[in-house]
C-alpha cells in the first residue's frame, strides 16, 4: 500500500460505520429525598440583618480627597449612618463623592439628604430621619446662644 492510499483510507468514511446504530440506554437518576418540609425547616435570614451592627451609630466624615469615600461607603454598608461635611474638599471632588455615595445609598436601600450648605446625611434603610434643617436655617428659627 502506498503512502497516498494509506492516507486516503485513514480519512475515508468506513462503510460499516455508516450502518452502525446505537441502542438508546435508559438513564437512571438517584431518587431525591428532598421534600417541601425540609425546605421550610431551613433558617432563612434577610440580607439586611447580616449587615446590621449591634449599636446604631452616626459617623462623622470630612473627606479631603475622593479616595476618602471608601471609609464612608464601608460604614454605610455596615448599617451605620454618616454625616459628611464637604468644607475641606473642592467642589468637583465633592460632586464625585456625592455621586458615589448616592450609588452606595441606593444599594443599601437608604437615603441621602442635604442638611446644610456643604453637609449631607447618608442613612441606610433602617434609619428614619424627620424634619428638614434647610427650612429651619432658611427661616431663621435657630439661635446660637
N, C-alpha and C. Protein backbone atom coordinates (compact mmCIF):
# COMPACT_ATOMS: atom_id res chain seq x y z
N UNK A 1 0.84 -1.16 0.00
CA UNK A 1 0.00 0.00 0.00
C UNK A 1 0.89 1.23 0.00
N UNK A 2 0.57 2.14 -0.86
CA UNK A 2 1.38 3.35 -0.95
C UNK A 2 0.95 4.35 0.14
N UNK A 3 1.76 5.34 0.29
CA UNK A 3 1.51 6.33 1.32
C UNK A 3 0.20 7.08 1.05
N UNK A 4 -0.07 7.42 -0.20
CA UNK A 4 -1.30 8.15 -0.53
C UNK A 4 -2.54 7.30 -0.30
N UNK A 5 -2.46 5.98 -0.57
CA UNK A 5 -3.62 5.12 -0.33
C UNK A 5 -3.84 4.94 1.17
N UNK A 6 -2.76 4.88 1.95
CA UNK A 6 -2.91 4.80 3.41
C UNK A 6 -3.56 6.07 3.95
N UNK A 7 -3.12 7.18 3.40
CA UNK A 7 -3.66 8.46 3.84
C UNK A 7 -5.13 8.60 3.48
N UNK A 8 -5.50 8.20 2.27
CA UNK A 8 -6.91 8.30 1.86
C UNK A 8 -7.77 7.31 2.64
N UNK A 9 -7.25 6.13 2.96
CA UNK A 9 -8.04 5.17 3.74
C UNK A 9 -8.20 5.66 5.19
N UNK A 10 -7.21 6.40 5.67
CA UNK A 10 -7.31 6.93 7.03
C UNK A 10 -8.41 7.98 7.14
N UNK A 11 -8.53 8.83 6.12
CA UNK A 11 -9.52 9.89 6.15
C UNK A 11 -10.86 9.51 5.53
N UNK A 12 -10.97 8.36 4.94
CA UNK A 12 -12.24 7.96 4.31
C UNK A 12 -13.19 7.43 5.37
N UNK A 13 -14.47 7.50 5.06
CA UNK A 13 -15.51 7.02 5.96
C UNK A 13 -15.68 5.53 5.75
N UNK A 14 -15.72 4.80 6.83
CA UNK A 14 -15.88 3.36 6.78
C UNK A 14 -17.34 3.04 6.51
N UNK A 15 -17.60 2.10 5.57
CA UNK A 15 -18.97 1.73 5.24
C UNK A 15 -19.68 1.10 6.43
N UNK A 16 -18.97 0.34 7.24
CA UNK A 16 -19.60 -0.29 8.40
C UNK A 16 -20.02 0.76 9.43
N UNK A 17 -19.30 1.86 9.49
CA UNK A 17 -19.61 2.89 10.47
C UNK A 17 -20.93 3.59 10.14
N UNK A 18 -21.24 3.74 8.86
CA UNK A 18 -22.48 4.41 8.46
C UNK A 18 -23.71 3.61 8.89
N UNK A 19 -23.65 2.31 8.92
CA UNK A 19 -24.79 1.48 9.27
C UNK A 19 -24.88 1.19 10.77
N UNK A 20 -23.96 1.67 11.49
CA UNK A 20 -23.93 1.39 12.92
C UNK A 20 -24.98 2.24 13.63
N UNK A 21 -25.81 1.60 14.42
CA UNK A 21 -26.81 2.31 15.21
C UNK A 21 -26.64 1.94 16.66
N UNK A 22 -26.68 2.95 17.47
CA UNK A 22 -26.53 2.72 18.91
C UNK A 22 -27.91 2.64 19.53
N UNK A 23 -28.08 1.63 20.35
CA UNK A 23 -29.37 1.48 21.01
C UNK A 23 -29.46 2.47 22.16
N UNK A 24 -30.60 3.10 22.30
CA UNK A 24 -30.74 4.08 23.40
C UNK A 24 -30.69 3.39 24.76
N UNK A 25 -30.02 4.04 25.71
CA UNK A 25 -29.94 3.49 27.05
C UNK A 25 -30.95 4.21 27.93
N UNK A 26 -31.40 3.48 28.88
CA UNK A 26 -32.27 4.10 29.87
C UNK A 26 -31.39 4.66 30.97
N UNK A 27 -31.57 5.94 31.23
CA UNK A 27 -30.76 6.57 32.26
C UNK A 27 -31.51 6.54 33.57
N UNK A 28 -30.81 6.19 34.58
CA UNK A 28 -31.44 6.17 35.90
C UNK A 28 -30.80 7.25 36.75
N UNK A 29 -31.64 7.95 37.47
CA UNK A 29 -31.19 9.01 38.36
C UNK A 29 -31.51 8.60 39.79
N UNK A 30 -30.64 8.95 40.71
CA UNK A 30 -30.94 8.63 42.11
C UNK A 30 -32.16 9.43 42.56
N UNK A 31 -32.97 8.79 43.37
CA UNK A 31 -34.17 9.45 43.84
C UNK A 31 -33.82 10.55 44.82
N UNK A 32 -34.46 11.67 44.63
CA UNK A 32 -34.24 12.79 45.53
C UNK A 32 -35.16 12.66 46.73
N UNK A 33 -34.59 12.83 47.89
CA UNK A 33 -35.39 12.69 49.10
C UNK A 33 -35.79 14.05 49.66
N UNK A 34 -35.54 15.10 48.90
CA UNK A 34 -35.90 16.43 49.37
C UNK A 34 -37.41 16.62 49.26
N UNK A 35 -37.97 17.16 50.28
CA UNK A 35 -39.40 17.45 50.28
C UNK A 35 -39.59 18.91 50.64
N UNK A 36 -40.80 19.36 50.50
CA UNK A 36 -41.07 20.75 50.85
C UNK A 36 -40.95 20.99 52.34
N UNK A 37 -41.13 19.94 53.14
CA UNK A 37 -41.00 20.11 54.58
C UNK A 37 -39.57 20.47 54.95
N UNK A 38 -38.61 19.82 54.32
CA UNK A 38 -37.21 20.10 54.67
C UNK A 38 -36.82 21.51 54.25
N UNK A 39 -37.43 22.03 53.21
CA UNK A 39 -37.13 23.39 52.79
C UNK A 39 -37.67 24.40 53.80
N UNK A 40 -38.80 24.10 54.39
CA UNK A 40 -39.38 25.01 55.36
C UNK A 40 -38.59 25.05 56.66
N UNK A 41 -37.83 24.00 56.94
CA UNK A 41 -37.08 23.92 58.18
C UNK A 41 -35.78 24.73 58.14
N UNK A 42 -35.36 25.13 56.97
CA UNK A 42 -34.11 25.89 56.86
C UNK A 42 -34.27 27.25 57.52
N UNK A 43 -33.19 27.74 58.05
CA UNK A 43 -33.20 29.09 58.61
C UNK A 43 -33.00 30.07 57.47
N UNK A 44 -33.91 30.98 57.32
CA UNK A 44 -33.83 32.00 56.29
C UNK A 44 -33.56 33.32 56.97
N UNK A 45 -32.53 34.02 56.49
CA UNK A 45 -32.17 35.29 57.11
C UNK A 45 -32.14 36.36 56.03
N UNK A 46 -32.71 37.50 56.29
CA UNK A 46 -32.71 38.60 55.34
C UNK A 46 -31.29 39.16 55.21
N UNK A 47 -30.98 39.69 54.03
CA UNK A 47 -29.65 40.24 53.80
C UNK A 47 -29.37 41.43 54.71
N UNK A 48 -30.37 42.24 54.95
CA UNK A 48 -30.16 43.43 55.76
C UNK A 48 -29.80 43.07 57.20
N UNK A 49 -30.24 41.94 57.71
CA UNK A 49 -29.94 41.55 59.09
C UNK A 49 -28.45 41.25 59.28
N UNK A 50 -27.79 40.75 58.25
CA UNK A 50 -26.38 40.41 58.38
C UNK A 50 -25.51 41.66 58.53
N UNK A 51 -25.93 42.75 57.95
CA UNK A 51 -25.12 43.96 57.97
C UNK A 51 -25.44 44.86 59.16
N UNK A 52 -26.45 44.55 59.90
CA UNK A 52 -26.90 45.41 60.98
C UNK A 52 -25.94 45.33 62.17
N UNK A 53 -25.36 46.45 62.59
CA UNK A 53 -24.47 46.42 63.74
C UNK A 53 -25.27 46.30 65.03
N UNK A 54 -24.57 45.94 66.10
CA UNK A 54 -25.24 45.83 67.39
C UNK A 54 -25.68 47.20 67.89
N UNK A 55 -24.88 48.23 67.67
CA UNK A 55 -25.22 49.58 68.07
C UNK A 55 -25.45 50.43 66.84
N UNK A 56 -26.47 51.27 66.91
CA UNK A 56 -26.69 52.22 65.83
C UNK A 56 -25.76 53.41 66.07
N UNK A 57 -25.01 53.78 65.08
CA UNK A 57 -24.10 54.90 65.21
C UNK A 57 -24.26 55.82 64.01
N UNK A 58 -23.99 57.08 64.24
CA UNK A 58 -23.90 58.05 63.16
C UNK A 58 -22.45 58.51 63.12
N UNK A 59 -21.79 58.21 62.03
CA UNK A 59 -20.38 58.54 61.87
C UNK A 59 -20.24 59.91 61.21
N UNK A 60 -19.24 60.68 61.61
CA UNK A 60 -18.97 62.00 61.04
C UNK A 60 -17.73 61.90 60.16
N UNK A 61 -17.82 62.46 58.94
CA UNK A 61 -16.71 62.40 57.99
C UNK A 61 -16.47 63.78 57.40
N UNK A 62 -15.20 64.06 57.12
CA UNK A 62 -14.81 65.29 56.45
C UNK A 62 -13.78 64.92 55.38
N UNK A 63 -14.25 64.42 54.24
CA UNK A 63 -13.30 63.95 53.21
C UNK A 63 -12.48 65.11 52.64
N UNK A 64 -11.24 64.80 52.29
CA UNK A 64 -10.37 65.80 51.67
C UNK A 64 -10.01 65.42 50.24
N UNK A 65 -10.06 64.12 49.94
CA UNK A 65 -9.84 63.63 48.58
C UNK A 65 -10.88 62.56 48.28
N UNK A 66 -11.03 62.23 47.01
CA UNK A 66 -12.07 61.29 46.60
C UNK A 66 -11.89 59.92 47.24
N UNK A 67 -10.67 59.48 47.45
CA UNK A 67 -10.45 58.13 47.99
C UNK A 67 -10.95 57.99 49.43
N UNK A 68 -11.24 59.10 50.10
CA UNK A 68 -11.81 59.03 51.45
C UNK A 68 -13.22 58.46 51.45
N UNK A 69 -13.85 58.39 50.28
CA UNK A 69 -15.22 57.89 50.18
C UNK A 69 -15.29 56.40 50.53
N UNK A 70 -14.18 55.70 50.42
CA UNK A 70 -14.16 54.26 50.72
C UNK A 70 -14.57 53.99 52.17
N UNK A 71 -14.05 54.78 53.10
CA UNK A 71 -14.38 54.60 54.52
C UNK A 71 -15.86 54.91 54.78
N UNK A 72 -16.38 55.92 54.10
CA UNK A 72 -17.79 56.28 54.27
C UNK A 72 -18.67 55.16 53.75
N UNK A 73 -18.33 54.64 52.58
CA UNK A 73 -19.13 53.57 51.97
C UNK A 73 -19.12 52.32 52.83
N UNK A 74 -17.98 51.98 53.43
CA UNK A 74 -17.93 50.77 54.25
C UNK A 74 -18.81 50.91 55.49
N UNK A 75 -18.89 52.09 56.06
CA UNK A 75 -19.77 52.31 57.22
C UNK A 75 -21.24 52.19 56.81
N UNK A 76 -21.59 52.73 55.65
CA UNK A 76 -22.97 52.62 55.16
C UNK A 76 -23.33 51.16 54.89
N UNK A 77 -22.40 50.42 54.31
CA UNK A 77 -22.65 49.00 54.04
C UNK A 77 -22.77 48.20 55.33
N UNK A 78 -22.15 48.69 56.40
CA UNK A 78 -22.24 48.03 57.70
C UNK A 78 -23.49 48.44 58.47
N UNK A 79 -24.34 49.29 57.88
CA UNK A 79 -25.60 49.67 58.51
C UNK A 79 -25.51 50.90 59.39
N UNK A 80 -24.44 51.68 59.26
CA UNK A 80 -24.31 52.89 60.05
C UNK A 80 -24.58 54.11 59.19
N UNK A 81 -25.10 55.17 59.81
CA UNK A 81 -25.37 56.42 59.11
C UNK A 81 -24.10 57.26 59.09
N UNK A 82 -24.05 58.22 58.15
CA UNK A 82 -22.86 59.07 58.03
C UNK A 82 -23.28 60.51 57.75
N UNK A 83 -22.68 61.44 58.47
CA UNK A 83 -22.81 62.86 58.18
C UNK A 83 -21.50 63.26 57.51
N UNK A 84 -21.61 63.82 56.30
CA UNK A 84 -20.43 64.12 55.50
C UNK A 84 -20.35 65.63 55.30
N UNK A 85 -19.24 66.23 55.74
CA UNK A 85 -19.00 67.66 55.64
C UNK A 85 -18.01 67.88 54.49
N UNK A 86 -18.41 68.66 53.48
CA UNK A 86 -17.58 68.86 52.29
C UNK A 86 -16.85 70.21 52.30
N UNK A 87 -16.63 70.82 53.45
CA UNK A 87 -15.99 72.13 53.50
C UNK A 87 -14.50 72.07 53.18
N UNK A 88 -13.86 70.92 53.32
CA UNK A 88 -12.42 70.82 53.09
C UNK A 88 -12.06 70.11 51.80
N UNK A 89 -12.98 70.06 50.86
CA UNK A 89 -12.72 69.40 49.57
C UNK A 89 -13.24 70.31 48.47
N UNK A 90 -12.56 70.31 47.33
CA UNK A 90 -13.02 71.19 46.25
C UNK A 90 -14.35 70.70 45.69
N UNK A 91 -15.05 71.59 45.01
CA UNK A 91 -16.42 71.31 44.55
C UNK A 91 -16.51 70.13 43.59
N UNK A 92 -15.55 70.01 42.69
CA UNK A 92 -15.58 68.90 41.73
C UNK A 92 -15.44 67.55 42.43
N UNK A 93 -14.51 67.46 43.36
CA UNK A 93 -14.33 66.22 44.12
C UNK A 93 -15.55 65.94 44.99
N UNK A 94 -16.13 66.98 45.59
CA UNK A 94 -17.33 66.81 46.42
C UNK A 94 -18.48 66.26 45.58
N UNK A 95 -18.61 66.75 44.36
CA UNK A 95 -19.67 66.26 43.47
C UNK A 95 -19.46 64.77 43.15
N UNK A 96 -18.23 64.38 42.91
CA UNK A 96 -17.93 62.96 42.64
C UNK A 96 -18.24 62.10 43.86
N UNK A 97 -17.90 62.59 45.05
CA UNK A 97 -18.16 61.84 46.28
C UNK A 97 -19.67 61.67 46.48
N UNK A 98 -20.43 62.75 46.25
CA UNK A 98 -21.90 62.66 46.40
C UNK A 98 -22.47 61.68 45.39
N UNK A 99 -21.98 61.68 44.16
CA UNK A 99 -22.45 60.72 43.16
C UNK A 99 -22.17 59.28 43.60
N UNK A 100 -20.97 59.05 44.10
CA UNK A 100 -20.61 57.71 44.55
C UNK A 100 -21.47 57.28 45.74
N UNK A 101 -21.62 58.18 46.71
CA UNK A 101 -22.43 57.85 47.89
C UNK A 101 -23.89 57.64 47.53
N UNK A 102 -24.37 58.33 46.51
CA UNK A 102 -25.75 58.10 46.05
C UNK A 102 -25.91 56.67 45.58
N UNK A 103 -24.93 56.14 44.90
CA UNK A 103 -24.97 54.74 44.46
C UNK A 103 -24.92 53.77 45.63
N UNK A 104 -24.07 54.07 46.61
CA UNK A 104 -23.97 53.20 47.79
C UNK A 104 -25.28 53.21 48.56
N UNK A 105 -25.85 54.40 48.74
CA UNK A 105 -27.11 54.54 49.48
C UNK A 105 -28.22 53.80 48.74
N UNK A 106 -28.23 53.87 47.42
CA UNK A 106 -29.22 53.12 46.64
C UNK A 106 -29.05 51.62 46.86
N UNK A 107 -27.81 51.17 46.93
CA UNK A 107 -27.54 49.73 47.11
C UNK A 107 -28.02 49.22 48.46
N UNK A 108 -27.98 50.07 49.50
CA UNK A 108 -28.43 49.64 50.82
C UNK A 108 -29.87 50.07 51.09
N UNK A 109 -30.55 50.54 50.06
CA UNK A 109 -31.96 50.96 50.16
C UNK A 109 -32.12 52.07 51.20
N UNK A 110 -31.19 53.01 51.19
CA UNK A 110 -31.21 54.11 52.15
C UNK A 110 -31.56 55.43 51.51
N UNK A 111 -31.13 56.51 52.16
CA UNK A 111 -31.41 57.86 51.67
C UNK A 111 -30.17 58.73 51.84
N UNK A 112 -30.09 59.75 50.98
CA UNK A 112 -29.07 60.78 51.13
C UNK A 112 -29.80 62.11 51.11
N UNK A 113 -29.49 62.97 52.09
CA UNK A 113 -30.17 64.25 52.20
C UNK A 113 -29.16 65.35 52.45
N UNK A 114 -29.43 66.50 51.88
CA UNK A 114 -28.61 67.67 52.15
C UNK A 114 -29.16 68.31 53.43
N UNK A 115 -28.32 68.46 54.44
CA UNK A 115 -28.80 69.03 55.70
C UNK A 115 -28.13 70.37 56.00
N UNK A 116 -27.27 70.81 55.14
CA UNK A 116 -26.60 72.10 55.31
C UNK A 116 -26.01 72.54 53.99
N UNK A 117 -25.32 73.68 54.02
CA UNK A 117 -24.73 74.23 52.80
C UNK A 117 -23.80 73.22 52.12
N UNK A 118 -22.92 72.60 52.90
CA UNK A 118 -21.99 71.62 52.37
C UNK A 118 -21.98 70.35 53.21
N UNK A 119 -23.12 70.00 53.78
CA UNK A 119 -23.22 68.84 54.67
C UNK A 119 -24.34 67.93 54.20
N UNK A 120 -24.03 66.64 54.10
CA UNK A 120 -25.01 65.64 53.66
C UNK A 120 -25.15 64.56 54.73
N UNK A 121 -26.34 64.01 54.83
CA UNK A 121 -26.63 62.89 55.73
C UNK A 121 -26.95 61.68 54.88
N UNK A 122 -26.21 60.60 55.07
CA UNK A 122 -26.43 59.35 54.35
C UNK A 122 -26.89 58.31 55.37
N UNK A 123 -28.03 57.70 55.11
CA UNK A 123 -28.58 56.72 56.06
C UNK A 123 -28.92 55.43 55.34
N UNK A 124 -28.69 54.29 56.00
CA UNK A 124 -29.14 53.01 55.44
C UNK A 124 -30.64 52.86 55.60
N UNK A 125 -31.17 51.74 55.18
CA UNK A 125 -32.63 51.54 55.09
C UNK A 125 -33.35 51.61 56.42
N UNK A 126 -32.70 51.29 57.52
CA UNK A 126 -33.41 51.20 58.79
C UNK A 126 -33.26 52.43 59.68
N UNK A 127 -32.85 53.56 59.11
CA UNK A 127 -32.81 54.83 59.83
C UNK A 127 -33.98 55.68 59.35
N UNK A 128 -34.59 56.37 60.28
CA UNK A 128 -35.68 57.27 59.92
C UNK A 128 -35.26 58.69 60.29
N UNK A 129 -35.36 59.60 59.33
CA UNK A 129 -34.98 61.00 59.55
C UNK A 129 -36.25 61.83 59.40
N UNK A 130 -36.52 62.63 60.40
CA UNK A 130 -37.69 63.50 60.36
C UNK A 130 -37.24 64.95 60.39
N UNK A 131 -37.97 65.79 59.69
CA UNK A 131 -37.67 67.21 59.67
C UNK A 131 -36.73 67.58 58.55
N UNK A 132 -36.51 68.89 58.41
CA UNK A 132 -35.66 69.39 57.36
C UNK A 132 -34.90 70.60 57.89
N UNK A 133 -33.61 70.48 58.11
CA UNK A 133 -32.82 71.57 58.67
C UNK A 133 -32.68 72.74 57.72
N UNK A 134 -32.70 72.51 56.43
CA UNK A 134 -32.54 73.59 55.47
C UNK A 134 -33.66 74.60 55.62
N UNK A 135 -34.90 74.15 55.80
CA UNK A 135 -36.02 75.07 56.01
C UNK A 135 -35.85 75.84 57.31
N UNK A 136 -35.36 75.17 58.34
CA UNK A 136 -35.14 75.82 59.64
C UNK A 136 -34.09 76.92 59.51
N UNK A 137 -32.99 76.65 58.82
CA UNK A 137 -31.95 77.65 58.64
C UNK A 137 -32.43 78.79 57.76
N UNK A 138 -33.19 78.49 56.74
CA UNK A 138 -33.69 79.50 55.81
C UNK A 138 -34.66 80.45 56.53
N UNK A 139 -35.49 79.91 57.42
CA UNK A 139 -36.48 80.72 58.13
C UNK A 139 -35.87 81.47 59.31
N UNK A 140 -34.66 81.17 59.71
CA UNK A 140 -34.01 81.85 60.82
C UNK A 140 -34.57 81.44 62.17
N UNK A 141 -35.08 80.21 62.29
CA UNK A 141 -35.68 79.72 63.52
C UNK A 141 -34.66 79.12 64.48
N UNK A 142 -33.40 79.42 64.35
CA UNK A 142 -32.38 78.84 65.21
C UNK A 142 -31.63 79.95 65.94
N UNK A 143 -31.05 79.61 67.09
CA UNK A 143 -30.26 80.57 67.87
C UNK A 143 -28.98 79.88 68.30
N UNK A 144 -27.88 80.61 68.25
CA UNK A 144 -26.60 80.04 68.63
C UNK A 144 -26.35 80.12 70.13
N UNK A 145 -26.90 81.11 70.83
CA UNK A 145 -26.61 81.30 72.26
C UNK A 145 -27.53 80.53 73.11
